Amino acid sequence: MPRILSVNNSLERRFEKIGIELQTGTRNVLLEGDDITGEWAPAAVVHRIDEPRAIALELLNATHVGKRSYANAALAFTEKFGPLTIPFGQDASFKFSISEWKAARQNLHIAWKVASSAAKLNQPFYLPLDGDHFSFDKGRITFCTQKLLTYAALEIASIPAARLRRCANFGHGCESPFFFASDLREKYCSQTCANEAKKRAKLKWWNDNRKGGEDGTRKTR
């Protein structure tokens, strides 16, 4: 086998074992006016993309839970995971504005759209990286990102485009419209949304097939 083919095959085998991880964890997170302040935890919590991909979906769906404001959504998300664009620093303090959080979240929406459309069209796409690195240990390559936003974007990019979905019940009360489909036939983020859509369809059929009697109960033939 030619040397270049041997090298390429070796790299492909190694990159099949690639992992992506992030260090995070916070304490004393507060909403102060238009800013969120807090401290990084004394010991980091490590997230890896080969585990359930929850962070990107929580961020994308953050403001769809009830009628929460961006401020409350940003506060709840930061308490659970951390700032989106500030690297983890053990015991260090952090501060960012709600407008910064909102802009960063919008960037993730763009990453979702780019990953979905580019992969479906079999086109390349690029995610900007800043201040991150690879580690090598026992044949495994791990990309270590310092920013939660980058990690969430990579979560999206690692999912096949056909599985990036927005609930068909969006606009009709769905509280978490963005989801990863486990079955390509899935249209709804949950059974609750599927049931609501069925009820709405039945009600529409009933209204469309009623005759205009006074009591409104007679159907057309």
Protein backbone atom coordinates (compact mmCIF):
# COMPACT_ATOMS: atom_id res chain seq x y z
CA MET A 1 0.00 0.00 0.00
CA PRO A 2 1.41 3.46 -0.91
CA ARG A 3 2.62 5.41 2.12
CA ILE A 4 0.13 8.27 1.66
CA LEU A 5 -2.81 5.81 1.64
CA SER A 6 -1.43 4.12 4.74
CA VAL A 7 -1.17 7.47 6.54
CA ASN A 8 -4.69 8.49 5.48
CA ASN A 9 -6.17 5.19 6.66
CA SER A 10 -4.36 5.52 9.97
CA LEU A 11 -5.68 9.05 10.49
CA GLU A 12 -9.22 7.96 9.62
CA ARG A 13 -9.04 5.16 12.19
CA ARG A 14 -7.71 7.56 14.84
CA PHE A 15 -10.34 10.20 14.15
CA GLU A 16 -13.09 7.62 14.54
CA LYS A 17 -12.10 7.78 18.23
CA ILE A 18 -12.17 11.56 18.46
CA GLY A 19 -13.99 13.09 21.41
CA ILE A 20 -15.11 16.61 22.24
CA GLU A 21 -15.22 17.89 25.80
CA LEU A 22 -15.83 21.02 27.82
CA GLN A 23 -15.13 22.07 31.42
CA THR A 24 -17.80 24.12 33.16
CA GLY A 25 -19.60 24.61 36.49
CA THR A 26 -20.72 27.74 38.36
CA ARG A 27 -21.80 29.11 41.74
CA ASN A 28 -23.31 32.33 43.13
CA VAL A 29 -24.91 33.27 39.81
CA LEU A 30 -27.00 36.45 40.07
CA LEU A 31 -29.01 38.76 37.83
CA GLU A 32 -27.85 42.32 38.47
CA GLY A 33 -29.71 44.81 36.31
CA ASP A 34 -28.84 44.04 32.70
CA ASP A 35 -25.90 41.81 33.66
CA ILE A 36 -25.35 38.32 34.98
CA THR A 37 -22.52 37.82 37.45
CA GLY A 38 -21.13 34.76 39.17
CA GLU A 39 -18.12 32.59 39.88
CA TRP A 40 -16.71 29.48 38.30
CA ALA A 41 -16.84 26.43 40.56
CA PRO A 42 -13.75 25.22 42.49
CA ALA A 43 -13.82 21.98 40.48
CA ALA A 44 -14.95 21.66 36.88
CA VAL A 45 -17.76 19.48 35.56
CA VAL A 46 -16.66 17.81 32.32
CA HIS A 47 -19.17 17.42 29.49
CA ARG A 48 -18.47 15.15 26.52
CA ILE A 49 -20.33 15.02 23.23
CA ASP A 50 -20.45 11.21 23.22
CA GLU A 51 -22.88 11.61 26.12
CA PRO A 52 -26.54 12.73 25.61
CA ARG A 53 -26.56 16.03 23.71
CA ALA A 54 -28.57 18.25 26.02
CA ILE A 55 -26.76 21.60 26.13
CA ALA A 56 -27.43 22.81 22.57
CA LEU A 57 -31.13 21.93 22.82
CA GLU A 58 -31.49 23.58 26.23
CA LEU A 59 -29.94 26.74 24.85
CA LEU A 60 -32.00 26.80 21.64
CA ASN A 61 -35.21 26.15 23.57
CA ALA A 62 -34.32 28.39 26.53
CA THR A 63 -36.77 31.21 25.81
CA HIS A 64 -39.58 28.92 24.67
CA VAL A 65 -40.29 27.62 28.16
CA GLY A 66 -43.44 29.42 29.21
CA LYS A 67 -43.15 33.18 28.65
CA ARG A 68 -39.79 33.70 30.33
CA SER A 69 -37.78 36.79 29.44
CA TYR A 70 -34.29 36.55 28.02
CA ALA A 71 -32.94 37.67 31.39
CA ASN A 72 -34.60 34.81 33.28
CA ALA A 73 -33.68 32.31 30.56
CA ALA A 74 -30.04 33.45 30.59
CA LEU A 75 -29.92 33.29 34.39
CA ALA A 76 -31.36 29.75 34.57
CA PHE A 77 -29.07 28.49 31.80
CA THR A 78 -25.96 30.07 33.33
CA GLU A 79 -26.74 28.61 36.76
CA LYS A 80 -26.91 25.15 35.21
CA PHE A 81 -24.05 25.32 32.70
CA GLY A 82 -22.14 28.61 32.71
CA PRO A 83 -21.42 31.65 30.48
CA LEU A 84 -21.51 31.00 26.75
CA THR A 85 -18.33 32.77 25.64
CA ILE A 86 -16.13 32.99 28.77
CA PRO A 87 -13.60 30.16 29.28
CA PHE A 88 -13.72 28.20 32.53
CA GLY A 89 -11.40 29.53 35.23
CA GLN A 90 -11.38 27.77 38.58
CA ASP A 91 -12.83 30.08 41.30
CA ALA A 92 -12.64 33.09 38.94
CA SER A 93 -15.53 35.56 38.71
CA PHE A 94 -17.38 36.35 35.48
CA LYS A 95 -19.80 38.97 34.20
CA PHE A 96 -21.68 39.41 30.93
CA SER A 97 -24.71 41.32 29.68
CA ILE A 98 -28.09 39.89 28.71
CA SER A 99 -27.63 41.38 25.23
CA GLU A 100 -24.32 39.48 24.87
CA TRP A 101 -26.05 36.24 25.86
CA LYS A 102 -28.89 36.91 23.42
CA ALA A 103 -26.42 37.54 20.56
CA ALA A 104 -24.45 34.39 21.38
CA ARG A 105 -27.64 32.32 21.41
CA GLN A 106 -28.56 33.77 18.02
CA ASN A 107 -25.20 32.56 16.70
CA LEU A 108 -26.19 29.05 17.74
CA HIS A 109 -29.42 29.38 15.75
CA ILE A 110 -27.26 30.26 12.75
CA ALA A 111 -25.06 27.21 13.37
CA TRP A 112 -28.21 25.02 13.44
CA LYS A 113 -29.43 26.43 10.11
CA VAL A 114 -25.99 26.16 8.48
CA ALA A 115 -25.37 22.59 9.67
CA SER A 116 -28.84 21.49 8.60
CA SER A 117 -28.91 23.05 5.13
CA ALA A 118 -25.26 22.47 4.21
CA ALA A 119 -25.27 18.79 5.15
CA LYS A 120 -28.55 18.14 3.33
CA LEU A 121 -27.03 19.71 0.20
CA ASN A 122 -23.77 17.79 0.72
CA GLN A 123 -21.82 21.04 1.02
CA PRO A 124 -18.96 21.84 3.42
CA PHE A 125 -19.52 24.24 6.29
CA TYR A 126 -17.21 25.86 8.81
CA LEU A 127 -17.40 26.61 12.52
CA PRO A 128 -14.99 29.29 13.85
CA LEU A 129 -12.83 28.16 16.78
CA ASP A 130 -10.91 30.36 19.20
CA GLY A 131 -8.45 29.42 21.94
CA ASP A 132 -9.17 25.67 21.81
CA HIS A 133 -6.89 22.66 21.52
CA PHE A 134 -6.58 18.91 20.91
CA SER A 135 -5.31 16.41 23.46
CA PHE A 136 -3.94 12.94 22.68
CA ASP A 137 -4.17 10.07 25.14
CA LYS A 138 -3.91 6.31 24.52
CA GLY A 139 -4.87 6.53 20.88
CA ARG A 140 -7.85 8.79 21.51
CA ILE A 141 -7.98 12.36 20.17
CA THR A 142 -10.02 14.83 22.20
CA PHE A 143 -10.89 18.34 21.10
CA CYS A 144 -11.06 20.49 24.23
CA THR A 145 -13.09 23.66 23.80
CA GLN A 146 -13.03 26.44 26.38
CA LYS A 147 -16.36 27.99 25.39
CA LEU A 148 -19.82 26.63 25.99
CA LEU A 149 -21.12 28.20 22.77
CA THR A 150 -18.51 26.36 20.68
CA TYR A 151 -19.34 23.10 22.45
CA ALA A 152 -23.06 23.54 21.75
CA ALA A 153 -22.36 24.31 18.07
CA LEU A 154 -20.25 21.16 17.81
CA GLU A 155 -23.09 19.17 19.36
CA ILE A 156 -25.29 20.33 16.49
CA ALA A 157 -22.61 19.76 13.84
CA SER A 158 -22.06 16.16 15.01
CA ILE A 159 -25.71 15.22 14.39
CA PRO A 160 -26.82 14.13 10.87
CA ALA A 161 -28.72 16.99 9.25
CA ALA A 162 -31.83 14.87 8.71
CA ARG A 163 -32.20 14.55 12.48
CA LEU A 164 -32.14 18.31 13.20
CA ARG A 165 -35.82 19.12 13.60
CA ARG A 166 -38.19 21.86 14.66
CA CYS A 167 -41.46 20.61 16.10
CA ALA A 168 -44.44 20.72 13.71
CA ASN A 169 -46.41 22.10 16.66
CA PHE A 170 -44.22 25.23 16.68
CA GLY A 171 -46.42 28.30 16.91
CA HIS A 172 -49.22 26.34 18.54
CA GLY A 173 -47.96 26.24 22.12
CA CYS A 174 -44.85 24.02 21.80
CA GLU A 175 -42.44 24.99 24.58
CA SER A 176 -39.32 23.22 23.24
CA PRO A 177 -39.52 23.17 19.42
CA PHE A 178 -35.89 22.25 18.65
CA PHE A 179 -35.06 18.55 18.98
CA PHE A 180 -32.91 15.73 17.58
CA ALA A 181 -35.09 13.11 15.90
CA SER A 182 -34.35 9.52 16.92
CA ASP A 183 -36.68 8.33 14.13
CA LEU A 184 -36.67 10.08 10.75
CA ARG A 185 -40.49 9.90 10.71
CA GLU A 186 -40.75 12.08 13.82
CA LYS A 187 -42.47 15.45 13.31
CA TYR A 188 -43.11 16.40 16.93
CA CYS A 189 -40.75 16.98 19.86
CA SER A 190 -42.96 14.97 22.23
CA GLN A 191 -46.08 12.86 22.43
CA THR A 192 -47.82 15.82 24.07
CA CYS A 193 -47.28 17.96 20.97
CA ALA A 194 -48.36 15.08 18.71
CA ASN A 195 -51.59 14.70 20.70
CA GLU A 196 -52.26 18.45 20.58
CA ALA A 197 -51.80 18.45 16.80
CA LYS A 198 -54.27 15.56 16.44
CA LYS A 199 -56.84 17.39 18.56
CA ARG A 200 -56.38 20.53 16.47
CA ALA A 201 -56.80 18.57 13.22
CA LYS A 202 -59.98 16.87 14.51
CA LEU A 203 -61.41 20.21 15.61
CA LYS A 204 -60.67 21.73 12.21
CA TRP A 205 -62.35 18.81 10.43
CA TRP A 206 -65.38 19.12 12.71
CA ASN A 207 -65.69 22.86 12.09
CA ASP A 208 -65.22 22.44 8.33
CA ASN A 209 -67.91 19.73 8.16
CA ARG A 210 -70.66 21.29 10.26
CA LYS A 211 -73.76 22.79 8.66
CA GLY A 212 -74.83 26.20 9.84
CA GLY A 213 -77.88 25.22 11.90
CA GLU A 214 -78.69 27.23 14.98
CA ASP A 215 -77.31 24.63 17.31
CA GLY A 216 -74.32 24.04 15.01
CA THR A 217 -74.54 20.27 15.32
CA ARG A 218 -75.70 19.17 11.87
CA LYS A 219 -73.01 17.98 9.46
CA THR A 220 -72.91 18.53 5.72
CA ARG A 221 -73.40 15.54 3.47
